[in-house]
PDB file of N, CA and C in Angstrom:
ATOM      1  N   MET A   1     215.659 244.394  31.370  1.00  0.00           N
ATOM      2  CA  MET A   1     215.094 245.380  32.266  1.00  0.00           C
ATOM      3  C   MET A   1     214.002 244.493  33.132  1.00  0.00           C
ATOM      4  N   LEU A   2     213.532 243.568  32.644  1.00  0.00           N
ATOM      5  CA  LEU A   2     212.636 242.726  33.470  1.00  0.00           C
ATOM      6  C   LEU A   2     213.425 242.045  34.566  1.00  0.00           C
ATOM      7  N   ARG A   3     214.303 241.490  34.326  1.00  0.00           N
ATOM      8  CA  ARG A   3     215.447 240.770  35.405  1.00  0.00           C
ATOM      9  C   ARG A   3     215.780 241.904  36.379  1.00  0.00           C
ATOM     10  N   PHE A   4     215.856 243.250  36.133  1.00  0.00           N
ATOM     11  CA  PHE A   4     216.216 244.335  37.078  1.00  0.00           C
ATOM     12  C   PHE A   4     215.220 244.374  37.969  1.00  0.00           C
ATOM     13  N   ILE A   5     213.713 244.435  37.534  1.00  0.00           N
ATOM     14  CA  ILE A   5     212.439 244.587  38.069  1.00  0.00           C
ATOM     15  C   ILE A   5     212.392 243.561  39.064  1.00  0.00           C
ATOM     16  N   ARG A   6     212.639 242.214  38.540  1.00  0.00           N
ATOM     17  CA  ARG A   6     212.274 241.348  39.380  1.00  0.00           C
ATOM     18  C   ARG A   6     213.164 240.961  40.716  1.00  0.00           C
ATOM     19  N   SER A   7     214.465 241.726  40.290  1.00  0.00           N
ATOM     20  CA  SER A   7     215.631 241.668  41.291  1.00  0.00           C
ATOM     21  C   SER A   7     215.183 242.629  42.585  1.00  0.00           C
ATOM     22  N   LEU A   8     214.469 243.844  42.069  1.00  0.00           N
ATOM     23  CA  LEU A   8     214.300 244.735  43.006  1.00  0.00           C
ATOM     24  C   LEU A   8     212.906 244.389  43.618  1.00  0.00           C
ATOM     25  N   SER A   9     212.142 243.440  43.399  1.00  0.00           N
ATOM     26  CA  SER A   9     210.841 243.017  43.993  1.00  0.00           C
ATOM     27  C   SER A   9     211.318 241.946  45.075  1.00  0.00           C
ATOM     28  N   ARG A  10     212.314 241.315  44.811  1.00  0.00           N
ATOM     29  CA  ARG A  10     212.822 240.448  45.829  1.00  0.00           C
ATOM     30  C   ARG A  10     213.678 241.143  46.832  1.00  0.00           C
ATOM     31  N   ASP A  11     214.346 242.009  46.713  1.00  0.00           N
ATOM     32  CA  ASP A  11     215.222 242.830  47.577  1.00  0.00           C
ATOM     33  C   ASP A  11     214.402 243.184  49.069  1.00  0.00           C
ATOM     34  N   GLU A  12     214.996 242.584  50.117  1.00  0.00           N
ATOM     35  CA  GLU A  12     214.473 242.964  51.337  1.00  0.00           C
ATOM     36  C   GLU A  12     215.269 243.675  52.137  1.00  0.00           C
ATOM     37  N   ARG A  13     216.380 244.289  51.694  1.00  0.00           N
ATOM     38  CA  ARG A  13     217.439 245.020  52.668  1.00  0.00           C
ATOM     39  C   ARG A  13     216.717 246.267  53.247  1.00  0.00           C
ATOM     40  N   GLY A  14     215.723 246.849  52.728  1.00  0.00           N
ATOM     41  CA  GLY A  14     215.349 248.104  53.525  1.00  0.00           C
ATOM     42  C   GLY A  14     213.831 247.974  54.324  1.00  0.00           C
ATOM     43  N   VAL A  15     213.549 246.732  54.423  1.00  0.00           N
ATOM     44  CA  VAL A  15     212.305 246.229  54.974  1.00  0.00           C
ATOM     45  C   VAL A  15     212.344 246.772  56.352  1.00  0.00           C
ATOM     46  N   SER A  16     213.220 246.285  57.043  1.00  0.00           N
ATOM     47  CA  SER A  16     213.589 246.249  58.505  1.00  0.00           C
ATOM     48  C   SER A  16     213.819 247.777  58.760  1.00  0.00           C
ATOM     49  N   SER A  17     214.393 248.806  58.199  1.00  0.00           N
ATOM     50  CA  SER A  17     214.430 249.899  58.423  1.00  0.00           C
ATOM     51  C   SER A  17     213.081 250.864  58.287  1.00  0.00           C
ATOM     52  N   LEU A  18     212.491 250.231  57.367  1.00  0.00           N
ATOM     53  CA  LEU A  18     210.922 250.798  57.108  1.00  0.00           C
ATOM     54  C   LEU A  18     210.193 250.196  58.390  1.00  0.00           C
ATOM     55  N   GLU A  19     210.445 249.182  58.943  1.00  0.00           N
ATOM     56  CA  GLU A  19     209.446 248.770  60.086  1.00  0.00           C
ATOM     57  C   GLU A  19     209.815 249.372  61.366  1.00  0.00           C
ATOM     58  N   TYR A  20     211.173 249.862  61.381  1.00  0.00           N
ATOM     59  CA  TYR A  20     211.549 250.605  62.451  1.00  0.00           C
ATOM     60  C   TYR A  20     210.910 251.910  62.249  1.00  0.00           C
ATOM     61  N   ALA A  21     210.932 252.513  61.174  1.00  0.00           N
ATOM     62  CA  ALA A  21     210.330 253.844  60.837  1.00  0.00           C
ATOM     63  C   ALA A  21     208.993 254.167  61.318  1.00  0.00           C
ATOM     64  N   VAL A  22     208.118 252.847  60.928  1.00  0.00           N
ATOM     65  CA  VAL A  22     206.697 252.819  61.320  1.00  0.00           C
ATOM     66  C   VAL A  22     206.394 252.812  62.711  1.00  0.00           C
ATOM     67  N   LEU A  23     207.263 251.910  63.208  1.00  0.00           N
ATOM     68  CA  LEU A  23     207.160 251.579  64.763  1.00  0.00           C
ATOM     69  C   LEU A  23     207.599 253.002  65.229  1.00  0.00           C
ATOM     70  N   GLY A  24     208.482 253.550  65.129  1.00  0.00           N
ATOM     71  CA  GLY A  24     208.694 254.942  65.677  1.00  0.00           C
ATOM     72  C   GLY A  24     207.657 255.973  65.658  1.00  0.00           C
ATOM     73  N   GLY A  25     207.219 255.804  64.362  1.00  0.00           N
ATOM     74  CA  GLY A  25     205.916 256.858  64.275  1.00  0.00           C
ATOM     75  C   GLY A  25     204.905 256.624  65.159  1.00  0.00           C
ATOM     76  N   ILE A  26     204.688 255.333  65.340  1.00  0.00           N
ATOM     77  CA  ILE A  26     203.390 254.883  66.171  1.00  0.00           C
ATOM     78  C   ILE A  26     203.558 255.431  67.784  1.00  0.00           C
ATOM     79  N   ILE A  27     204.995 254.832  68.058  1.00  0.00           N
ATOM     80  CA  ILE A  27     205.342 255.415  69.465  1.00  0.00           C
ATOM     81  C   ILE A  27     205.224 256.815  69.719  1.00  0.00           C
ATOM     82  N   VAL A  28     205.496 257.748  68.654  1.00  0.00           N
ATOM     83  CA  VAL A  28     205.560 259.167  68.527  1.00  0.00           C
ATOM     84  C   VAL A  28     204.131 259.951  68.928  1.00  0.00           C
ATOM     85  N   ALA A  29     203.278 259.006  67.920  1.00  0.00           N
ATOM     86  CA  ALA A  29     201.778 259.287  68.087  1.00  0.00           C
ATOM     87  C   ALA A  29     201.157 259.129  69.415  1.00  0.00           C
ATOM     88  N   VAL A  30     201.466 257.913  69.932  1.00  0.00           N
ATOM     89  CA  VAL A  30     201.099 257.573  71.239  1.00  0.00           C
ATOM     90  C   VAL A  30     201.323 258.494  72.167  1.00  0.00           C
ATOM     91  N   LEU A  31     202.731 258.828  72.328  1.00  0.00           N
ATOM     92  CA  LEU A  31     203.281 259.838  73.312  1.00  0.00           C
ATOM     93  C   LEU A  31     202.683 261.217  73.123  1.00  0.00           C
ATOM     94  N   VAL A  32     202.376 261.617  71.989  1.00  0.00           N
ATOM     95  CA  VAL A  32     201.513 262.924  71.620  1.00  0.00           C
ATOM     96  C   VAL A  32     200.165 262.717  72.360  1.00  0.00           C
ATOM     97  N   ALA A  33     199.429 261.694  71.967  1.00  0.00           N
ATOM     98  CA  ALA A  33     198.151 261.593  72.493  1.00  0.00           C
ATOM     99  C   ALA A  33     198.253 261.369  73.990  1.00  0.00           C
ATOM    100  N   LEU A  34     199.158 260.613  74.541  1.00  0.00           N
ATOM    101  CA  LEU A  34     199.032 260.737  75.985  1.00  0.00           C
ATOM    102  C   LEU A  34     199.414 261.998  76.815  1.00  0.00           C
ATOM    103  N   GLY A  35     200.324 262.858  76.114  1.00  0.00           N
ATOM    104  CA  GLY A  35     200.516 264.129  76.497  1.00  0.00           C
ATOM    105  C   GLY A  35     199.543 264.962  76.375  1.00  0.00           C
ATOM    106  N   THR A  36     198.668 265.122  75.285  1.00  0.00           N
ATOM    107  CA  THR A  36     197.451 265.841  75.178  1.00  0.00           C
ATOM    108  C   THR A  36     196.589 265.230  76.129  1.00  0.00           C
ATOM    109  N   TYR A  37     196.305 264.243  76.441  1.00  0.00           N
ATOM    110  CA  TYR A  37     195.282 263.729  77.439  1.00  0.00           C
ATOM    111  C   TYR A  37     195.620 264.247  78.737  1.00  0.00           C
ATOM    112  N   LEU A  38     196.957 264.020  79.145  1.00  0.00           N
ATOM    113  CA  LEU A  38     197.312 264.455  80.476  1.00  0.00           C
ATOM    114  C   LEU A  38     197.332 265.759  80.672  1.00  0.00           C
ATOM    115  N   SER A  39     197.493 266.686  79.611  1.00  0.00           N
ATOM    116  CA  SER A  39     197.490 268.270  79.556  1.00  0.00           C
ATOM    117  C   SER A  39     196.187 268.499  80.306  1.00  0.00           C
ATOM    118  N   GLY A  40     195.037 267.865  80.109  1.00  0.00           N
ATOM    119  CA  GLY A  40     193.930 268.323  80.595  1.00  0.00           C
ATOM    120  C   GLY A  40     193.668 267.734  82.105  1.00  0.00           C
ATOM    121  N   ALA A  41     194.246 266.714  82.264  1.00  0.00           N
ATOM    122  CA  ALA A  41     194.050 266.209  83.705  1.00  0.00           C
ATOM    123  C   ALA A  41     195.111 266.709  84.653  1.00  0.00           C
ATOM    124  N   GLY A  42     195.670 267.953  84.277  1.00  0.00           N
ATOM    125  CA  GLY A  42     196.587 268.563  85.447  1.00  0.00           C
ATOM    126  C   GLY A  42     197.964 268.278  84.919  1.00  0.00           C
ATOM    127  N   GLY A  43     198.332 267.761  83.951  1.00  0.00           N
ATOM    128  CA  GLY A  43     199.731 267.376  83.480  1.00  0.00           C
ATOM    129  C   GLY A  43     200.406 266.300  84.194  1.00  0.00           C
ATOM    130  N   PHE A  44     201.568 266.240  83.709  1.00  0.00           N
ATOM    131  CA  PHE A  44     202.379 264.926  84.063  1.00  0.00           C
ATOM    132  C   PHE A  44     202.628 264.965  85.690  1.00  0.00           C
ATOM    133  N   GLN A  45     202.852 266.226  86.065  1.00  0.00           N
ATOM    134  CA  GLN A  45     203.054 266.442  87.255  1.00  0.00           C
ATOM    135  C   GLN A  45     202.189 266.038  88.133  1.00  0.00           C
ATOM    136  N   ALA A  46     200.885 266.261  88.065  1.00  0.00           N
ATOM    137  CA  ALA A  46     199.797 265.796  88.740  1.00  0.00           C
ATOM    138  C   ALA A  46     199.599 264.163  88.827  1.00  0.00           C
ATOM    139  N   VAL A  47     199.880 263.726  87.626  1.00  0.00           N
ATOM    140  CA  VAL A  47     200.094 262.240  87.796  1.00  0.00           C
ATOM    141  C   VAL A  47     201.004 261.283  88.473  1.00  0.00           C
ATOM    142  N   PHE A  48     202.348 262.109  88.696  1.00  0.00           N
ATOM    143  CA  PHE A  48     203.350 261.375  89.285  1.00  0.00           C
ATOM    144  C   PHE A  48     203.032 261.757  90.789  1.00  0.00           C
ATOM    145  N   THR A  49     202.498 262.916  91.146  1.00  0.00           N
ATOM    146  CA  THR A  49     202.321 263.236  92.533  1.00  0.00           C
ATOM    147  C   THR A  49     201.083 262.185  92.756  1.00  0.00           C
ATOM    148  N   ALA A  50     200.295 261.927  92.213  1.00  0.00           N
ATOM    149  CA  ALA A  50     199.127 260.824  92.516  1.00  0.00           C
ATOM    150  C   ALA A  50     199.772 259.685  92.631  1.00  0.00           C
ATOM    151  N   LEU A  51     200.528 259.010  91.783  1.00  0.00           N
ATOM    152  CA  LEU A  51     201.325 257.708  92.071  1.00  0.00           C
ATOM    153  C   LEU A  51     202.104 257.925  93.215  1.00  0.00           C
ATOM    154  N   LEU A  52     202.777 258.929  93.317  1.00  0.00           N
ATOM    155  CA  LEU A  52     204.028 258.832  94.690  1.00  0.00           C
ATOM    156  C   LEU A  52     203.075 258.805  95.929  1.00  0.00           C
ATOM    157  N   ASN A  53     201.988 259.476  96.026  1.00  0.00           N
ATOM    158  CA  ASN A  53     200.931 259.605  97.117  1.00  0.00           C
ATOM    159  C   ASN A  53     200.408 258.071  97.258  1.00  0.00           C
ATOM    160  N   GLN A  54     200.201 257.304  96.155  1.00  0.00           N
ATOM    161  CA  GLN A  54     199.632 256.168  96.447  1.00  0.00           C
ATOM    162  C   GLN A  54     200.506 254.882  96.677  1.00  0.00           C
ATOM    163  N   ALA A  55     201.962 255.333  96.393  1.00  0.00           N
ATOM    164  CA  ALA A  55     202.875 254.387  96.677  1.00  0.00           C
ATOM    165  C   ALA A  55     203.369 254.738  98.085  1.00  0.00           C
ATOM    166  N   THR A  56     203.053 255.999  98.563  1.00  0.00           N
ATOM    167  CA  THR A  56     203.546 256.183  99.959  1.00  0.00           C
ATOM    168  C   THR A  56     202.350 255.761 101.018  1.00  0.00           C
ATOM    169  N   THR A  57     201.219 255.643 100.557  1.00  0.00           N
ATOM    170  CA  THR A  57     200.288 255.039 101.419  1.00  0.00           C
ATOM    171  C   THR A  57     200.374 253.693 101.610  1.00  0.00           C
ATOM    172  N   ALA A  58     200.662 253.001 100.281  1.00  0.00           N
ATOM    173  CA  ALA A  58     200.879 251.656 100.432  1.00  0.00           C
ATOM    174  C   ALA A  58     202.170 251.063 101.310  1.00  0.00           C
ATOM    175  N   ILE A  59     203.047 252.046 101.242  1.00  0.00           N
ATOM    176  CA  ILE A  59     204.331 251.559 102.029  1.00  0.00           C
ATOM    177  C   ILE A  59     204.109 251.445 103.724  1.00  0.00           C
ATOM    178  N   ASN A  60     203.043 252.759 103.721  1.00  0.00           N
ATOM    179  CA  ASN A  60     202.898 253.009 105.300  1.00  0.00           C
ATOM    180  C   ASN A  60     201.978 252.269 105.843  1.00  0.00           C
ATOM    181  N   LYS A  61     201.185 251.437 105.167  1.00  0.00           N
ATOM    182  CA  LYS A  61     200.235 250.372 105.480  1.00  0.00           C
ATOM    183  C   LYS A  61     200.739 249.405 106.480  1.00  0.00           C
TER     184      LYS A  61
END
């Protein structure tokens, strides 16, 4: 039984999938926070409109 527990403690096959799951969770949390922040600032449309206007101004200079 002790040998089985030691072999489980050294097994790293599921570690990379766990890391990807944590990374995915962080990305989702950041996207939700960004969406919440931008919804108060006029939403994504206002942000992209402002970016387009700045790019157009920079091109026309």
